[in-house]
Amino acid sequence: MRSTRTRLRAISAVGAAAVVVGLGTVTFQASAAEQTRRPGRPRPVASPSATPSAPAPAPSATPAPTPTSIAPPAGLRPVGNYRVVTGTQTYTCANGSFEGASVPEARLAGPAGRIHHYGGPTWEHERDGSLVTAKVVAKKTRARAIPELLLEVTSHSGSPRGQLARATHIQRLQTTGGLAPTGACTDGEKASVRYGALYVFFGK
């Protein structure tokens, strides 16, 4: 009798243990499924080693067709072009009028960098230090703006490998504004007038 009761207790203990193990397995599976479905779980992040997209190319100041009256000598080709970002032409009153030569003060920008344009006239590349001065050899009038020009380089200085080192001629094209003020003025008085232009450098 006592042996029979012992066997029944053993069977009951084994069954209870099986139930506990089964419930534990179900609970674990349910918990894992809940974590998989839980909203707000971080999404995979792309590897930082992925190749970045290429930068956009720098804008180019494409020159317009050259007027034949200010065309550079045959055999030359463009070696750089720069557009005025900010610029003025400064006039000095003489004999009661601003009519006369002006002095430029401008910042130019192009695919090869920036240029400081100032009196002389002078063009100095801000990055490599190459510098040229030039003189006017031809001009073409333009309505309501300073004339378009062809200039011949008269001197070089700075880096012999700079952006302006090969330049022999310069065109000033697509001019806007910059005309001398009209009306009377006091001798020695100065007036700065905003202007725009495209400068194209030519060389061999």
Protein backbone atom coordinates (compact mmCIF):
# COMPACT_ATOMS: atom_id res chain seq x y z
CA MET A 1 0.00 0.00 0.00
CA ARG A 2 2.76 2.38 0.99
CA SER A 3 4.69 1.42 -2.22
CA THR A 4 1.66 2.23 -4.40
CA ARG A 5 1.30 5.70 -2.83
CA THR A 6 4.99 6.39 -3.41
CA ARG A 7 4.71 5.54 -7.09
CA LEU A 8 1.65 7.81 -7.51
CA ARG A 9 3.50 10.72 -5.87
CA ALA A 10 6.47 10.23 -8.20
CA ILE A 11 4.23 10.17 -11.28
CA SER A 12 2.46 13.35 -10.11
CA ALA A 13 5.80 15.14 -9.56
CA VAL A 14 7.06 14.22 -13.05
CA GLY A 15 3.81 15.46 -14.64
CA ALA A 16 3.97 18.76 -12.77
CA ALA A 17 7.56 19.29 -13.87
CA ALA A 18 6.61 18.63 -17.48
CA VAL A 19 3.82 21.21 -17.26
CA VAL A 20 6.21 23.81 -15.78
CA VAL A 21 8.78 23.19 -18.53
CA GLY A 22 6.06 23.45 -21.19
CA LEU A 23 4.72 26.68 -19.78
CA GLY A 24 8.25 28.12 -19.62
CA THR A 25 8.86 27.31 -23.29
CA VAL A 26 5.55 28.90 -24.36
CA THR A 27 6.22 31.98 -22.25
CA PHE A 28 9.72 32.43 -23.76
CA GLN A 29 8.41 32.08 -27.34
CA ALA A 30 5.63 34.58 -26.67
CA SER A 31 8.09 37.06 -25.18
CA ALA A 32 10.41 36.76 -28.20
CA ALA A 33 7.51 37.27 -30.62
CA GLU A 34 6.35 40.32 -28.67
CA GLN A 35 9.79 41.91 -28.87
CA THR A 36 9.88 41.29 -32.65
CA ARG A 37 6.51 43.04 -33.12
CA ARG A 38 7.09 45.86 -30.59
CA PRO A 39 6.84 49.27 -32.27
CA GLY A 40 9.72 51.73 -31.87
CA ARG A 41 12.46 49.12 -32.16
CA PRO A 42 15.62 50.65 -33.75
CA ARG A 43 15.99 49.99 -37.46
CA PRO A 44 19.29 48.86 -39.02
CA VAL A 45 21.64 51.75 -39.80
CA ALA A 46 23.57 51.86 -43.08
CA SER A 47 27.25 51.12 -42.77
CA PRO A 48 29.37 54.27 -42.46
CA SER A 49 31.77 52.73 -44.94
CA ALA A 50 29.22 53.19 -47.73
CA THR A 51 30.58 55.30 -50.60
CA PRO A 52 29.32 58.94 -50.31
CA SER A 53 27.74 60.61 -53.27
CA ALA A 54 30.07 62.74 -55.40
CA PRO A 55 29.98 66.52 -54.77
CA ALA A 56 28.20 68.68 -57.29
CA PRO A 57 30.59 70.24 -59.85
CA ALA A 58 31.48 73.89 -59.43
CA PRO A 59 29.43 76.27 -61.61
CA SER A 60 31.19 77.49 -64.76
CA ALA A 61 31.04 81.07 -66.04
CA THR A 62 30.69 80.27 -69.75
CA PRO A 63 31.62 83.21 -71.97
CA ALA A 64 29.31 84.45 -74.70
CA PRO A 65 30.46 84.53 -78.34
CA THR A 66 33.26 87.09 -78.70
CA PRO A 67 32.51 90.29 -80.64
CA THR A 68 34.99 90.38 -83.54
CA SER A 69 36.06 93.96 -82.73
CA ILE A 70 37.57 92.81 -79.41
CA ALA A 71 38.62 89.29 -80.40
CA PRO A 72 42.01 88.09 -79.08
CA PRO A 73 44.84 87.39 -81.52
CA ALA A 74 44.65 84.18 -83.52
CA GLY A 75 46.20 81.11 -81.94
CA LEU A 76 45.22 81.94 -78.35
CA ARG A 77 42.76 79.92 -76.29
CA PRO A 78 40.85 80.60 -73.04
CA VAL A 79 42.86 79.69 -69.93
CA GLY A 80 40.32 80.91 -67.35
CA ASN A 81 37.08 82.82 -66.94
CA TYR A 82 35.82 84.71 -63.90
CA ARG A 83 32.64 86.63 -63.21
CA VAL A 84 32.33 89.71 -60.98
CA VAL A 85 30.76 88.77 -57.63
CA THR A 86 30.98 92.26 -56.16
CA GLY A 87 32.52 95.22 -57.94
CA THR A 88 32.63 98.99 -58.36
CA GLN A 89 34.14 101.51 -60.75
CA THR A 90 35.30 104.61 -58.86
CA TYR A 91 35.40 107.98 -60.60
CA THR A 92 37.15 111.14 -59.40
CA CYS A 93 35.60 114.50 -60.21
CA ALA A 94 37.80 116.77 -62.36
CA ASN A 95 36.79 120.08 -63.94
CA GLY A 96 33.31 119.72 -62.45
CA SER A 97 32.61 116.32 -64.04
CA PHE A 98 33.01 112.61 -63.25
CA GLU A 99 33.75 111.83 -66.90
CA GLY A 100 37.14 110.20 -67.19
CA ALA A 101 39.07 107.09 -66.23
CA SER A 102 37.75 104.91 -63.42
CA VAL A 103 39.49 102.62 -60.94
CA PRO A 104 38.08 99.09 -60.47
CA GLU A 105 37.66 97.34 -57.14
CA ALA A 106 36.13 93.89 -57.58
CA ARG A 107 36.09 90.28 -56.47
CA LEU A 108 35.87 87.74 -59.28
CA ALA A 109 34.99 84.06 -59.00
CA GLY A 110 35.35 81.17 -61.41
CA PRO A 111 35.96 77.42 -61.59
CA ALA A 112 39.67 77.93 -60.79
CA GLY A 113 39.17 80.12 -57.71
CA ARG A 114 38.90 83.84 -56.93
CA ILE A 115 40.64 86.94 -58.24
CA HIS A 116 41.06 90.41 -56.75
CA HIS A 117 40.76 93.06 -59.47
CA TYR A 118 41.97 96.54 -58.61
CA GLY A 119 43.74 99.65 -59.93
CA GLY A 120 46.44 99.32 -62.54
CA PRO A 121 44.39 97.62 -63.84
CA THR A 122 45.57 94.55 -61.95
CA TRP A 123 44.26 91.00 -61.53
CA GLU A 124 45.65 88.93 -58.64
CA HIS A 125 44.72 85.31 -58.01
CA GLU A 126 43.88 85.01 -54.30
CA ARG A 127 45.00 81.40 -53.89
CA ASP A 128 48.28 81.08 -55.82
CA GLY A 129 49.36 84.75 -55.92
CA SER A 130 49.88 84.94 -59.69
CA LEU A 131 49.33 88.54 -60.85
CA VAL A 132 49.01 90.41 -64.15
CA THR A 133 48.59 94.02 -65.23
CA ALA A 134 47.20 94.99 -68.63
CA LYS A 135 46.37 97.85 -70.99
CA VAL A 136 43.32 98.41 -73.20
CA VAL A 137 43.91 97.69 -76.90
CA ALA A 138 40.30 97.62 -78.18
CA LYS A 139 36.83 98.45 -76.91
CA LYS A 140 33.20 97.98 -77.89
CA THR A 141 30.43 100.27 -76.63
CA ARG A 142 27.49 98.75 -74.78
CA ALA A 143 24.13 100.35 -74.06
CA ARG A 144 23.70 101.59 -70.47
CA ALA A 145 26.97 99.98 -69.32
CA ILE A 146 30.71 100.46 -69.42
CA PRO A 147 32.27 99.19 -72.67
CA GLU A 148 33.46 95.67 -73.36
CA LEU A 149 37.24 95.51 -73.70
CA LEU A 150 40.21 93.61 -75.04
CA LEU A 151 43.30 94.12 -72.89
CA GLU A 152 46.88 93.03 -73.48
CA VAL A 153 48.89 91.80 -70.50
CA THR A 154 51.88 94.06 -69.83
CA SER A 155 53.45 92.34 -66.80
CA HIS A 156 53.45 89.10 -64.80
CA SER A 157 54.50 88.44 -61.22
CA GLY A 158 53.96 85.84 -58.52
CA SER A 159 53.94 82.08 -59.07
CA PRO A 160 55.17 81.00 -62.55
CA ARG A 161 52.75 78.07 -62.29
CA GLY A 162 49.78 80.12 -61.15
CA GLN A 163 46.41 80.37 -62.85
CA LEU A 164 47.30 83.70 -64.51
CA ALA A 165 50.91 82.90 -65.43
CA ARG A 166 50.08 82.01 -69.04
CA ALA A 167 47.66 84.86 -69.71
CA THR A 168 48.60 87.23 -72.54
CA HIS A 169 45.22 88.88 -73.18
CA ILE A 170 42.01 89.55 -71.24
CA GLN A 171 38.47 90.22 -72.41
CA ARG A 172 35.89 92.11 -70.36
CA LEU A 173 32.51 90.91 -71.61
CA GLN A 174 28.80 91.09 -70.71
CA THR A 175 29.22 94.34 -68.81
CA THR A 176 26.40 95.88 -66.76
CA GLY A 177 26.32 99.23 -64.95
CA GLY A 178 29.51 101.04 -63.97
CA LEU A 179 28.83 104.25 -65.91
CA ALA A 180 30.08 107.57 -64.53
CA PRO A 181 27.48 109.69 -62.68
CA THR A 182 26.10 112.66 -64.60
CA GLY A 183 25.72 116.21 -63.35
CA ALA A 184 28.02 118.69 -61.66
CA CYS A 185 30.47 117.69 -58.94
CA THR A 186 33.22 119.19 -56.82
CA ASP A 187 36.77 118.56 -58.01
CA GLY A 188 38.37 115.74 -56.03
CA GLU A 189 35.03 114.21 -55.09
CA LYS A 190 34.81 110.46 -55.65
CA ALA A 191 31.86 108.30 -56.72
CA SER A 192 31.79 104.49 -56.75
CA VAL A 193 29.33 102.81 -59.12
CA ARG A 194 28.47 99.10 -59.03
CA TYR A 195 29.13 97.04 -62.16
CA GLY A 196 29.14 93.48 -63.44
CA ALA A 197 31.25 91.71 -66.09
CA LEU A 198 32.79 88.45 -67.22
CA TYR A 199 36.59 88.39 -67.57
CA VAL A 200 38.09 85.80 -69.93
CA PHE A 201 41.84 85.20 -69.87
CA PHE A 202 43.61 83.98 -73.02
CA GLY A 203 47.03 82.41 -73.52
CA LYS A 204 48.96 79.83 -75.51
